[in-house]
Amino acid sequence: MSKSTNSNFLQIIQHIEKALNPTANAGTFPPKRAGHNWNDPKYPPARIGATPMSKTIHGNWATGGEALTKVNTTAANVNRSFFSHLRFVTDQGNPDNEQRWPDVDDNVELKPWEIAQVNYCKYYFPDKYKDPEKMFFGVPVKEGVQCDEYPFASTKQGAGKKDGNFSIQAVDKDHNQAHGDALTYFYADFRVVTDNQFWVKIVS
């Protein structure tokens, strides 16, 4: 990926670059902290708290680290389910800040389009969701913003690995979709199929 040639998804490249940098990725979200239970996505780590740890995020061609491994669509959806399209509770146990996303009882049935509006990015990046078009049970809905993740949901190293070694970032929708298209073309052009390995290389 080139920051100059692929400027149409520069926000994604910058996110991946930070995620792959072990000296900077402690500052990515969700924060990785000792003792957190990554098996239960209902309770993400608090936005503010103890100093987060550096993450071991794979796929960096520049360092010769572990490759990413392509997975099928079912596994990709499992990865996404660990930060998106789910009900979750933030700042659990803090009476001043605890919040349900969406703010509705668990026994209330939600339509697919409603639960699709819920993701961790809306908690970790509130500024990106200022002035939403509407609110849905306390969840801001802003058409021009999406939640990007790295390692890609389409890889074995995604959020579903349950170790906290992933990063999400609220980005502009057009950047996210342009990168999604580019990744799809990459898989097709180079015949990357399930269980094939590959790396990410970022150039200027």
N, C-alpha and C. Protein backbone atom coordinates (compact mmCIF):
# COMPACT_ATOMS: atom_id res chain seq x y z
N MET A 1 0.85 -1.19 0.00
CA MET A 1 0.00 0.00 0.00
C MET A 1 0.88 1.24 0.00
N SER A 2 0.50 2.21 -0.81
CA SER A 2 1.28 3.44 -0.94
C SER A 2 0.49 4.63 -0.40
N LYS A 3 1.11 5.41 0.48
CA LYS A 3 0.45 6.57 1.05
C LYS A 3 0.12 7.62 0.00
N SER A 4 0.93 7.66 -1.06
CA SER A 4 0.69 8.65 -2.11
C SER A 4 -0.24 8.10 -3.18
N THR A 5 0.05 6.93 -3.70
CA THR A 5 -0.77 6.34 -4.75
C THR A 5 -2.15 5.97 -4.25
N ASN A 6 -2.24 5.47 -3.03
CA ASN A 6 -3.51 5.04 -2.45
C ASN A 6 -4.07 6.05 -1.46
N SER A 7 -3.97 7.32 -1.80
CA SER A 7 -4.44 8.37 -0.90
C SER A 7 -5.95 8.30 -0.68
N ASN A 8 -6.67 7.57 -1.55
CA ASN A 8 -8.12 7.43 -1.37
C ASN A 8 -8.47 6.57 -0.17
N PHE A 9 -7.49 5.83 0.37
CA PHE A 9 -7.73 5.15 1.64
C PHE A 9 -6.55 5.36 2.60
N LEU A 10 -6.05 6.59 2.61
CA LEU A 10 -4.92 6.95 3.45
C LEU A 10 -5.22 6.73 4.93
N GLN A 11 -6.45 7.01 5.36
CA GLN A 11 -6.79 6.82 6.77
C GLN A 11 -6.59 5.36 7.20
N ILE A 12 -6.87 4.44 6.30
CA ILE A 12 -6.70 3.02 6.61
C ILE A 12 -5.21 2.69 6.70
N ILE A 13 -4.44 3.19 5.76
CA ILE A 13 -2.99 2.95 5.77
C ILE A 13 -2.38 3.48 7.06
N GLN A 14 -2.77 4.67 7.46
CA GLN A 14 -2.23 5.27 8.69
C GLN A 14 -2.62 4.45 9.92
N HIS A 15 -3.84 3.93 9.90
CA HIS A 15 -4.27 3.08 11.01
C HIS A 15 -3.43 1.81 11.06
N ILE A 16 -3.24 1.15 9.93
CA ILE A 16 -2.46 -0.08 9.89
C ILE A 16 -1.01 0.18 10.31
N GLU A 17 -0.47 1.29 9.83
CA GLU A 17 0.92 1.64 10.16
C GLU A 17 1.10 1.77 11.67
N LYS A 18 0.16 2.42 12.34
CA LYS A 18 0.24 2.57 13.79
C LYS A 18 0.07 1.22 14.49
N ALA A 19 -0.87 0.42 13.98
CA ALA A 19 -1.12 -0.89 14.58
C ALA A 19 0.11 -1.79 14.49
N LEU A 20 0.86 -1.69 13.41
CA LEU A 20 2.02 -2.55 13.20
C LEU A 20 3.26 -2.05 13.95
N ASN A 21 3.20 -0.85 14.49
CA ASN A 21 4.36 -0.26 15.17
C ASN A 21 4.32 -0.61 16.66
N PRO A 22 5.20 -1.51 17.13
CA PRO A 22 5.15 -1.92 18.54
C PRO A 22 5.45 -0.80 19.52
N THR A 23 6.06 0.28 19.06
CA THR A 23 6.33 1.40 19.95
C THR A 23 5.16 2.38 20.01
N ALA A 24 4.15 2.17 19.16
CA ALA A 24 3.01 3.08 19.13
C ALA A 24 1.68 2.39 19.36
N ASN A 25 1.61 1.07 19.14
CA ASN A 25 0.30 0.42 19.14
C ASN A 25 -0.33 0.22 20.52
N ALA A 26 0.41 0.54 21.58
CA ALA A 26 -0.23 0.54 22.90
C ALA A 26 -1.29 1.64 22.96
N GLY A 27 -1.17 2.60 22.06
CA GLY A 27 -2.12 3.70 22.01
C GLY A 27 -3.31 3.44 21.10
N THR A 28 -3.42 2.23 20.56
CA THR A 28 -4.57 1.90 19.73
C THR A 28 -5.70 1.34 20.60
N PHE A 29 -6.88 1.27 20.02
CA PHE A 29 -8.04 0.76 20.75
C PHE A 29 -8.53 -0.55 20.12
N PRO A 30 -9.12 -1.42 20.93
CA PRO A 30 -9.26 -1.33 22.39
C PRO A 30 -7.91 -1.49 23.07
N PRO A 31 -7.72 -0.80 24.22
CA PRO A 31 -6.43 -0.91 24.90
C PRO A 31 -6.22 -2.33 25.44
N LYS A 32 -4.99 -2.81 25.32
CA LYS A 32 -4.66 -4.13 25.85
C LYS A 32 -4.09 -3.97 27.26
N ARG A 33 -4.79 -4.55 28.22
CA ARG A 33 -4.33 -4.47 29.61
C ARG A 33 -4.27 -5.86 30.23
N ALA A 34 -3.33 -6.04 31.13
CA ALA A 34 -3.15 -7.33 31.80
C ALA A 34 -4.42 -7.71 32.55
N GLY A 35 -4.81 -8.96 32.42
CA GLY A 35 -5.94 -9.47 33.17
C GLY A 35 -7.29 -9.33 32.50
N HIS A 36 -7.33 -8.64 31.35
CA HIS A 36 -8.63 -8.48 30.69
C HIS A 36 -9.06 -9.80 30.05
N ASN A 37 -10.35 -10.12 30.14
CA ASN A 37 -10.90 -11.33 29.55
C ASN A 37 -11.34 -11.06 28.11
N TRP A 38 -10.52 -11.44 27.16
CA TRP A 38 -10.83 -11.18 25.75
C TRP A 38 -11.81 -12.20 25.17
N ASN A 39 -12.17 -13.20 25.97
CA ASN A 39 -13.13 -14.18 25.50
C ASN A 39 -14.56 -13.64 25.49
N ASP A 40 -14.81 -12.58 26.25
CA ASP A 40 -16.15 -12.03 26.37
C ASP A 40 -16.21 -10.61 25.82
N PRO A 41 -16.60 -10.45 24.56
CA PRO A 41 -16.62 -9.12 23.95
C PRO A 41 -17.70 -8.20 24.51
N LYS A 42 -18.57 -8.73 25.37
CA LYS A 42 -19.63 -7.89 25.94
C LYS A 42 -19.06 -6.80 26.83
N TYR A 43 -17.85 -7.00 27.35
CA TYR A 43 -17.26 -6.03 28.27
C TYR A 43 -15.89 -5.59 27.77
N PRO A 44 -15.83 -4.64 26.86
CA PRO A 44 -14.54 -4.17 26.35
C PRO A 44 -13.78 -3.41 27.42
N PRO A 45 -12.45 -3.36 27.32
CA PRO A 45 -11.66 -2.61 28.30
C PRO A 45 -12.00 -1.11 28.25
N ALA A 46 -11.94 -0.48 29.40
CA ALA A 46 -12.30 0.93 29.50
C ALA A 46 -11.38 1.80 28.65
N ARG A 47 -11.96 2.85 28.10
CA ARG A 47 -11.20 3.79 27.27
C ARG A 47 -10.08 4.43 28.08
N ILE A 48 -10.36 4.75 29.34
CA ILE A 48 -9.39 5.38 30.22
C ILE A 48 -9.15 4.45 31.41
N GLY A 49 -7.88 4.22 31.72
CA GLY A 49 -7.58 3.32 32.83
C GLY A 49 -6.09 3.10 32.96
N ALA A 50 -5.72 1.92 33.46
CA ALA A 50 -4.30 1.59 33.65
C ALA A 50 -3.56 1.66 32.31
N THR A 51 -2.27 1.93 32.39
CA THR A 51 -1.45 2.05 31.19
C THR A 51 -1.55 0.79 30.34
N PRO A 52 -1.92 0.92 29.07
CA PRO A 52 -2.05 -0.26 28.21
C PRO A 52 -0.70 -0.82 27.79
N MET A 53 -0.74 -2.07 27.37
CA MET A 53 0.46 -2.78 26.93
C MET A 53 0.63 -2.67 25.42
N SER A 54 1.86 -2.87 24.97
CA SER A 54 2.12 -2.98 23.54
C SER A 54 1.47 -4.25 23.01
N LYS A 55 1.04 -4.21 21.76
CA LYS A 55 0.37 -5.35 21.14
C LYS A 55 1.30 -6.07 20.15
N THR A 56 1.10 -7.37 20.04
CA THR A 56 1.83 -8.16 19.05
C THR A 56 0.90 -8.34 17.85
N ILE A 57 1.04 -7.46 16.88
CA ILE A 57 0.14 -7.45 15.72
C ILE A 57 0.91 -7.90 14.49
N HIS A 58 0.38 -8.90 13.81
CA HIS A 58 1.12 -9.58 12.75
C HIS A 58 0.87 -9.00 11.35
N GLY A 59 1.69 -9.49 10.43
CA GLY A 59 1.51 -9.13 9.03
C GLY A 59 2.47 -8.09 8.50
N ASN A 60 3.49 -7.72 9.27
CA ASN A 60 4.39 -6.63 8.87
C ASN A 60 5.54 -7.16 8.01
N TRP A 61 5.47 -6.86 6.72
CA TRP A 61 6.52 -7.29 5.79
C TRP A 61 7.86 -6.69 6.16
N ALA A 62 7.87 -5.44 6.63
CA ALA A 62 9.12 -4.72 6.90
C ALA A 62 9.95 -5.38 7.99
N THR A 63 9.32 -6.03 8.93
CA THR A 63 10.06 -6.65 10.04
C THR A 63 10.19 -8.17 9.88
N GLY A 64 9.57 -8.71 8.83
CA GLY A 64 9.64 -10.15 8.62
C GLY A 64 8.90 -10.94 9.67
N GLY A 65 7.88 -10.32 10.25
CA GLY A 65 7.11 -10.97 11.29
C GLY A 65 6.17 -12.03 10.75
N GLU A 66 5.35 -12.56 11.64
CA GLU A 66 4.40 -13.61 11.27
C GLU A 66 3.43 -13.11 10.20
N ALA A 67 3.16 -13.94 9.23
CA ALA A 67 2.25 -13.56 8.14
C ALA A 67 0.80 -13.57 8.61
N LEU A 68 -0.06 -12.93 7.83
CA LEU A 68 -1.49 -13.04 8.02
C LEU A 68 -1.97 -14.27 7.25
N THR A 69 -3.04 -14.89 7.72
CA THR A 69 -3.57 -16.08 7.07
C THR A 69 -5.03 -15.85 6.70
N LYS A 70 -5.34 -16.01 5.45
CA LYS A 70 -6.70 -15.77 4.95
C LYS A 70 -7.67 -16.80 5.53
N VAL A 71 -8.88 -16.30 5.89
CA VAL A 71 -9.94 -17.20 6.37
C VAL A 71 -11.17 -17.03 5.50
N ASN A 72 -12.14 -17.92 5.68
CA ASN A 72 -13.36 -17.84 4.89
C ASN A 72 -14.33 -16.80 5.47
N THR A 73 -15.43 -16.59 4.79
CA THR A 73 -16.38 -15.55 5.18
C THR A 73 -16.98 -15.81 6.56
N THR A 74 -17.26 -17.05 6.87
CA THR A 74 -17.82 -17.38 8.19
C THR A 74 -16.88 -16.97 9.31
N ALA A 75 -15.61 -17.31 9.17
CA ALA A 75 -14.62 -16.95 10.18
C ALA A 75 -14.42 -15.44 10.24
N ALA A 76 -14.50 -14.77 9.10
CA ALA A 76 -14.37 -13.32 9.07
C ALA A 76 -15.50 -12.66 9.86
N ASN A 77 -16.70 -13.19 9.72
CA ASN A 77 -17.83 -12.64 10.46
C ASN A 77 -17.69 -12.87 11.96
N VAL A 78 -17.07 -13.98 12.34
CA VAL A 78 -16.79 -14.23 13.76
C VAL A 78 -15.83 -13.17 14.28
N ASN A 79 -14.80 -12.85 13.51
CA ASN A 79 -13.87 -11.79 13.91
C ASN A 79 -14.60 -10.47 14.13
N ARG A 80 -15.47 -10.12 13.21
CA ARG A 80 -16.21 -8.86 13.33
C ARG A 80 -17.12 -8.84 14.55
N SER A 81 -17.63 -10.01 14.91
CA SER A 81 -18.58 -10.08 16.03
C SER A 81 -17.93 -9.76 17.36
N PHE A 82 -16.61 -9.65 17.39
CA PHE A 82 -15.93 -9.32 18.63
C PHE A 82 -15.79 -7.81 18.83
N PHE A 83 -16.25 -7.01 17.89
CA PHE A 83 -16.23 -5.56 18.11
C PHE A 83 -17.40 -4.86 17.43
N SER A 84 -18.22 -5.59 16.68
CA SER A 84 -19.28 -4.96 15.90
C SER A 84 -20.51 -5.87 15.84
N HIS A 85 -21.69 -5.24 15.61
CA HIS A 85 -22.93 -6.00 15.52
C HIS A 85 -23.18 -6.79 16.80
N LEU A 86 -22.97 -6.16 17.95
CA LEU A 86 -23.15 -6.86 19.22
C LEU A 86 -23.62 -5.88 20.29
N ARG A 87 -24.23 -6.42 21.33
CA ARG A 87 -24.58 -5.64 22.51
C ARG A 87 -23.37 -5.69 23.45
N PHE A 88 -23.03 -4.55 24.03
CA PHE A 88 -21.92 -4.55 24.98
C PHE A 88 -22.13 -3.48 26.05
N VAL A 89 -21.33 -3.59 27.11
CA VAL A 89 -21.42 -2.68 28.24
C VAL A 89 -20.04 -2.08 28.48
N THR A 90 -19.96 -0.75 28.54
CA THR A 90 -18.68 -0.09 28.77
C THR A 90 -18.59 0.46 30.18
N ASP A 91 -17.35 0.53 30.68
CA ASP A 91 -17.07 1.05 32.02
C ASP A 91 -17.91 0.34 33.07
N GLN A 92 -17.96 -0.97 32.96
CA GLN A 92 -18.74 -1.78 33.90
C GLN A 92 -18.27 -1.55 35.33
N GLY A 93 -19.23 -1.35 36.23
CA GLY A 93 -18.91 -1.15 37.63
C GLY A 93 -18.65 0.28 38.02
N ASN A 94 -18.57 1.17 37.04
CA ASN A 94 -18.39 2.61 37.30
C ASN A 94 -19.76 3.27 37.20
N PRO A 95 -20.40 3.58 38.32
CA PRO A 95 -21.77 4.09 38.29
C PRO A 95 -21.94 5.39 37.53
N ASP A 96 -20.87 6.17 37.42
CA ASP A 96 -20.96 7.45 36.72
C ASP A 96 -20.88 7.29 35.20
N ASN A 97 -20.22 6.22 34.74
CA ASN A 97 -19.96 6.10 33.30
C ASN A 97 -20.50 4.84 32.65
N GLU A 98 -20.93 3.85 33.44
CA GLU A 98 -21.38 2.59 32.85
C GLU A 98 -22.50 2.84 31.85
N GLN A 99 -22.37 2.20 30.69
CA GLN A 99 -23.36 2.40 29.63
C GLN A 99 -23.58 1.12 28.84
N ARG A 100 -24.82 0.85 28.51
CA ARG A 100 -25.15 -0.27 27.63
C ARG A 100 -25.22 0.24 26.19
N TRP A 101 -24.74 -0.56 25.28
CA TRP A 101 -24.78 -0.23 23.85
C TRP A 101 -25.48 -1.38 23.12
N PRO A 102 -26.70 -1.17 22.64
CA PRO A 102 -27.57 -0.01 22.83
C PRO A 102 -28.17 0.00 24.23
N ASP A 103 -28.68 1.14 24.64
CA ASP A 103 -29.22 1.28 26.00
C ASP A 103 -30.65 0.76 26.04
N VAL A 104 -30.76 -0.57 26.01
CA VAL A 104 -32.05 -1.24 26.00
C VAL A 104 -31.87 -2.61 26.65
N ASP A 105 -32.88 -3.12 27.31
CA ASP A 105 -32.78 -4.41 27.97
C ASP A 105 -32.42 -5.51 26.98
N ASP A 106 -31.69 -6.51 27.46
CA ASP A 106 -31.24 -7.60 26.60
C ASP A 106 -32.40 -8.40 26.02
N ASN A 107 -33.54 -8.38 26.72
CA ASN A 107 -34.68 -9.16 26.21
C ASN A 107 -35.46 -8.44 25.12
N VAL A 108 -35.05 -7.21 24.79
CA VAL A 108 -35.68 -6.47 23.70
C VAL A 108 -35.06 -6.93 22.38
N GLU A 109 -35.89 -7.44 21.49
CA GLU A 109 -35.38 -7.93 20.21
C GLU A 109 -35.07 -6.77 19.28
N LEU A 110 -33.88 -6.83 18.68
CA LEU A 110 -33.45 -5.78 17.77
C LEU A 110 -33.47 -6.29 16.34
N LYS A 111 -33.81 -5.41 15.42
CA LYS A 111 -33.79 -5.76 14.00
C LYS A 111 -32.33 -5.80 13.53
N PRO A 112 -32.04 -6.57 12.49
CA PRO A 112 -30.66 -6.66 11.99
C PRO A 112 -30.04 -5.30 11.68
N TRP A 113 -30.82 -4.38 11.08
CA TRP A 113 -30.24 -3.08 10.75
C TRP A 113 -29.95 -2.27 12.00
N GLU A 114 -30.66 -2.56 13.09
CA GLU A 114 -30.43 -1.84 14.34
C GLU A 114 -29.13 -2.30 15.01
N ILE A 115 -28.96 -3.60 15.15
CA ILE A 115 -27.74 -4.10 15.77
C ILE A 115 -26.51 -3.82 14.91
N ALA A 116 -26.73 -3.65 13.61
CA ALA A 116 -25.62 -3.33 12.70
C ALA A 116 -25.03 -1.96 12.99
N GLN A 117 -25.77 -1.12 13.71
CA GLN A 117 -25.30 0.23 14.02
C GLN A 117 -24.35 0.26 15.22
N VAL A 118 -24.20 -0.88 15.91
CA VAL A 118 -23.46 -0.91 17.17
C VAL A 118 -22.05 -1.46 16.98
N ASN A 119 -21.04 -0.72 17.43
CA ASN A 119 -19.66 -1.20 17.38
C ASN A 119 -18.81 -0.45 18.41
N TYR A 120 -17.66 -1.03 18.72
CA TYR A 120 -16.75 -0.45 19.71
C TYR A 120 -16.28 0.96 19.33
N CYS A 121 -16.14 1.23 18.04
CA CYS A 121 -15.60 2.53 17.62
C CYS A 121 -16.42 3.69 18.19
N LYS A 122 -17.71 3.48 18.35
CA LYS A 122 -18.57 4.56 18.82
C LYS A 122 -18.31 4.89 20.29
N TYR A 123 -17.74 3.95 21.00
CA TYR A 123 -17.32 4.20 22.38
C TYR A 123 -15.91 4.81 22.42
N TYR A 124 -14.99 4.24 21.67
CA TYR A 124 -13.59 4.67 21.74
C TYR A 124 -13.30 5.96 20.99
N PHE A 125 -14.11 6.30 20.00
CA PHE A 125 -13.84 7.50 19.19
C PHE A 125 -15.07 8.41 19.15
N PRO A 126 -15.52 8.91 20.29
CA PRO A 126 -16.76 9.72 20.32
C PRO A 126 -16.69 10.97 19.46
N ASP A 127 -15.52 11.57 19.34
CA ASP A 127 -15.41 12.80 18.54
C ASP A 127 -15.75 12.55 17.08
N LYS A 128 -15.45 11.36 16.60
CA LYS A 128 -15.71 11.04 15.19
C LYS A 128 -17.21 10.94 14.92
N TYR A 129 -17.97 10.73 15.98
CA TYR A 129 -19.42 10.55 15.82
C TYR A 129 -20.23 11.75 16.33
N LYS A 130 -19.56 12.90 16.47
CA LYS A 130 -20.27 14.10 16.87
C LYS A 130 -21.28 14.50 15.79
N ASP A 131 -22.35 15.13 16.21
CA ASP A 131 -23.40 15.59 15.29
C ASP A 131 -23.93 14.47 14.41
N PRO A 132 -24.38 13.37 15.02
CA PRO A 132 -24.92 12.24 14.23
C PRO A 132 -26.23 12.60 13.55
N GLU A 133 -26.56 11.86 12.48
CA GLU A 133 -27.84 12.07 11.81
C GLU A 133 -29.00 11.69 12.71
N LYS A 134 -28.77 10.68 13.56
CA LYS A 134 -29.80 10.26 14.51
C LYS A 134 -29.16 9.46 15.62
N MET A 135 -29.95 9.21 16.68
CA MET A 135 -29.52 8.37 17.78
C MET A 135 -30.44 7.17 17.87
N PHE A 136 -29.86 6.02 18.14
CA PHE A 136 -30.63 4.78 18.27
C PHE A 136 -30.32 4.17 19.63
N PHE A 137 -31.25 4.32 20.59
CA PHE A 137 -31.05 3.82 21.95
C PHE A 137 -29.67 4.21 22.51
N GLY A 138 -29.30 5.48 22.34
CA GLY A 138 -28.03 5.98 22.85
C GLY A 138 -26.84 5.76 21.94
N VAL A 139 -27.06 5.12 20.80
CA VAL A 139 -25.98 4.84 19.85
C VAL A 139 -26.04 5.86 18.71
N PRO A 140 -24.96 6.63 18.49
CA PRO A 140 -24.98 7.59 17.39
C PRO A 140 -24.92 6.90 16.03
N VAL A 141 -25.69 7.39 15.10
CA VAL A 141 -25.69 6.86 13.74
C VAL A 141 -25.20 7.96 12.81
N LYS A 142 -24.05 7.72 12.20
CA LYS A 142 -23.45 8.70 11.30
C LYS A 142 -23.03 7.98 10.03
N GLU A 143 -23.73 8.25 8.95
CA GLU A 143 -23.59 7.52 7.70
C GLU A 143 -22.17 7.57 7.15
N GLY A 144 -21.46 8.66 7.35
CA GLY A 144 -20.15 8.83 6.72
C GLY A 144 -18.98 8.26 7.49
N VAL A 145 -19.24 7.53 8.58
CA VAL A 145 -18.16 6.98 9.42
C VAL A 145 -18.34 5.48 9.56
N GLN A 146 -17.23 4.74 9.47
CA GLN A 146 -17.25 3.29 9.66
C GLN A 146 -16.12 2.87 10.60
N CYS A 147 -16.19 1.62 11.06
CA CYS A 147 -15.21 1.09 12.01
C CYS A 147 -14.26 0.14 11.29
N ASP A 148 -13.02 0.57 11.16
CA ASP A 148 -12.00 -0.24 10.49
C ASP A 148 -11.28 -1.11 11.51
N GLU A 149 -10.78 -2.27 11.08
CA GLU A 149 -10.05 -3.14 11.97
C GLU A 149 -8.79 -3.69 11.31
N TYR A 150 -7.76 -3.91 12.12
CA TYR A 150 -6.55 -4.57 11.66
C TYR A 150 -6.01 -5.41 12.82
N PRO A 151 -5.54 -6.63 12.56
CA PRO A 151 -5.54 -7.35 11.31
C PRO A 151 -6.95 -7.48 10.71
N PHE A 152 -6.97 -7.60 9.40
CA PHE A 152 -8.23 -7.66 8.67
C PHE A 152 -9.13 -8.76 9.22
N ALA A 153 -10.43 -8.50 9.22
CA ALA A 153 -11.39 -9.52 9.68
C ALA A 153 -11.27 -10.78 8.84
N SER A 154 -10.79 -10.66 7.62
CA SER A 154 -10.67 -11.80 6.72
C SER A 154 -9.42 -12.63 6.97
N THR A 155 -8.78 -12.43 8.14
CA THR A 155 -7.58 -13.20 8.48
C THR A 155 -7.71 -13.90 9.82
N LYS A 156 -6.92 -14.92 9.98
CA LYS A 156 -6.91 -15.73 11.22
C LYS A 156 -6.47 -14.90 12.43
N GLN A 157 -5.73 -13.84 12.18
CA GLN A 157 -5.18 -13.02 13.26
C GLN A 157 -6.12 -11.91 13.72
N GLY A 158 -7.37 -11.93 13.25
CA GLY A 158 -8.33 -10.89 13.60
C GLY A 158 -8.78 -10.92 15.05
N ALA A 159 -9.79 -10.09 15.37
CA ALA A 159 -10.24 -9.93 16.75
C ALA A 159 -10.71 -11.22 17.39
N GLY A 160 -11.20 -12.15 16.58
CA GLY A 160 -11.70 -13.42 17.10
C GLY A 160 -10.62 -14.31 17.67
N LYS A 161 -9.37 -13.92 17.54
CA LYS A 161 -8.27 -14.69 18.14
C LYS A 161 -8.30 -14.57 19.67
N LYS A 162 -9.01 -13.56 20.16
CA LYS A 162 -9.27 -13.40 21.60
C LYS A 162 -8.02 -13.16 22.43
N ASP A 163 -7.08 -12.38 21.89
CA ASP A 163 -5.87 -12.09 22.66
C ASP A 163 -5.60 -10.58 22.79
N GLY A 164 -6.48 -9.77 22.22
CA GLY A 164 -6.31 -8.32 22.32
C GLY A 164 -5.33 -7.73 21.35
N ASN A 165 -4.73 -8.58 20.50
CA ASN A 165 -3.73 -8.08 19.55
C ASN A 165 -4.38 -7.66 18.24
N PHE A 166 -5.24 -6.66 18.33
CA PHE A 166 -5.87 -6.10 17.15
C PHE A 166 -6.17 -4.63 17.44
N SER A 167 -6.53 -3.91 16.41
CA SER A 167 -6.81 -2.49 16.56
C SER A 167 -8.02 -2.11 15.72
N ILE A 168 -8.82 -1.19 16.27
CA ILE A 168 -9.93 -0.63 15.51
C ILE A 168 -9.77 0.88 15.45
N GLN A 169 -10.37 1.47 14.43
CA GLN A 169 -10.25 2.92 14.24
C GLN A 169 -11.49 3.42 13.50
N ALA A 170 -12.09 4.48 14.00
CA ALA A 170 -13.20 5.12 13.29
C ALA A 170 -12.61 5.91 12.12
N VAL A 171 -13.09 5.63 10.92
CA VAL A 171 -12.55 6.24 9.70
C VAL A 171 -13.69 6.69 8.80
N ASP A 172 -13.35 7.52 7.83
CA ASP A 172 -14.36 7.95 6.86
C ASP A 172 -14.81 6.76 6.02
N LYS A 173 -16.10 6.73 5.76
CA LYS A 173 -16.70 5.60 5.02
C LYS A 173 -16.05 5.41 3.66
N ASP A 174 -15.78 6.50 2.94
CA ASP A 174 -15.23 6.35 1.59
C ASP A 174 -13.83 5.74 1.62
N HIS A 175 -13.04 6.06 2.64
CA HIS A 175 -11.71 5.47 2.78
C HIS A 175 -11.83 3.98 3.08
N ASN A 176 -12.74 3.63 3.98
CA ASN A 176 -12.91 2.23 4.37
C ASN A 176 -13.39 1.38 3.19
N GLN A 177 -14.34 1.91 2.44
CA GLN A 177 -14.86 1.16 1.30
C GLN A 177 -13.83 1.04 0.19
N ALA A 178 -13.04 2.10 -0.04
CA ALA A 178 -12.01 2.04 -1.07
C ALA A 178 -10.96 1.00 -0.71
N HIS A 179 -10.60 0.94 0.56
CA HIS A 179 -9.63 -0.08 0.97
C HIS A 179 -10.23 -1.48 0.88
N GLY A 180 -11.50 -1.61 1.27
CA GLY A 180 -12.15 -2.91 1.15
C GLY A 180 -12.14 -3.41 -0.28
N ASP A 181 -12.39 -2.51 -1.22
CA ASP A 181 -12.34 -2.87 -2.64
C ASP A 181 -10.93 -3.30 -3.04
N ALA A 182 -9.94 -2.53 -2.58
CA ALA A 182 -8.55 -2.84 -2.93
C ALA A 182 -8.13 -4.20 -2.37
N LEU A 183 -8.57 -4.51 -1.15
CA LEU A 183 -8.23 -5.80 -0.55
C LEU A 183 -8.91 -6.94 -1.30
N THR A 184 -10.13 -6.73 -1.71
CA THR A 184 -10.85 -7.74 -2.50
C THR A 184 -10.13 -8.00 -3.82
N TYR A 185 -9.69 -6.93 -4.48
CA TYR A 185 -8.96 -7.08 -5.74
C TYR A 185 -7.63 -7.80 -5.51
N PHE A 186 -6.96 -7.48 -4.39
CA PHE A 186 -5.70 -8.15 -4.07
C PHE A 186 -5.91 -9.65 -3.92
N TYR A 187 -6.93 -10.03 -3.18
CA TYR A 187 -7.21 -11.46 -2.99
C TYR A 187 -7.49 -12.14 -4.34
N ALA A 188 -8.24 -11.46 -5.19
CA ALA A 188 -8.59 -12.05 -6.49
C ALA A 188 -7.39 -12.09 -7.44
N ASP A 189 -6.66 -10.97 -7.53
CA ASP A 189 -5.56 -10.88 -8.49
C ASP A 189 -4.43 -11.85 -8.16
N PHE A 190 -4.18 -12.04 -6.86
CA PHE A 190 -3.07 -12.92 -6.46
C PHE A 190 -3.54 -14.29 -5.98
N ARG A 191 -4.84 -14.55 -6.21
CA ARG A 191 -5.43 -15.85 -5.89
C ARG A 191 -5.17 -16.25 -4.44
N VAL A 192 -5.39 -15.30 -3.55
CA VAL A 192 -5.25 -15.56 -2.11
C VAL A 192 -6.55 -16.20 -1.63
N VAL A 193 -6.49 -17.45 -1.24
CA VAL A 193 -7.69 -18.17 -0.80
C VAL A 193 -7.49 -18.63 0.66
N THR A 194 -8.50 -19.24 1.22
CA THR A 194 -8.46 -19.68 2.61
C THR A 194 -7.19 -20.47 2.91
N ASP A 195 -6.53 -20.10 4.00
CA ASP A 195 -5.30 -20.70 4.52
C ASP A 195 -4.04 -20.22 3.82
N ASN A 196 -4.16 -19.40 2.78
CA ASN A 196 -2.97 -18.80 2.17
C ASN A 196 -2.45 -17.68 3.08
N GLN A 197 -1.13 -17.47 3.04
CA GLN A 197 -0.51 -16.45 3.88
C GLN A 197 -0.03 -15.27 3.05
N PHE A 198 0.01 -14.10 3.68
CA PHE A 198 0.49 -12.88 3.02
C PHE A 198 0.90 -11.87 4.07
N TRP A 199 1.61 -10.83 3.63
CA TRP A 199 2.05 -9.76 4.51
C TRP A 199 1.54 -8.41 4.00
N VAL A 200 1.70 -7.39 4.82
CA VAL A 200 1.33 -6.02 4.46
C VAL A 200 2.61 -5.20 4.36
N LYS A 201 2.76 -4.48 3.26
CA LYS A 201 3.92 -3.60 3.08
C LYS A 201 3.40 -2.20 2.80
N ILE A 202 3.88 -1.23 3.58
CA ILE A 202 3.46 0.16 3.42
C ILE A 202 4.65 0.97 2.92
N VAL A 203 4.43 1.70 1.84
CA VAL A 203 5.47 2.56 1.27
C VAL A 203 4.93 3.97 1.15
N SER A 204 5.86 4.91 0.93
CA SER A 204 5.45 6.31 0.82
C SER A 204 4.80 6.58 -0.54
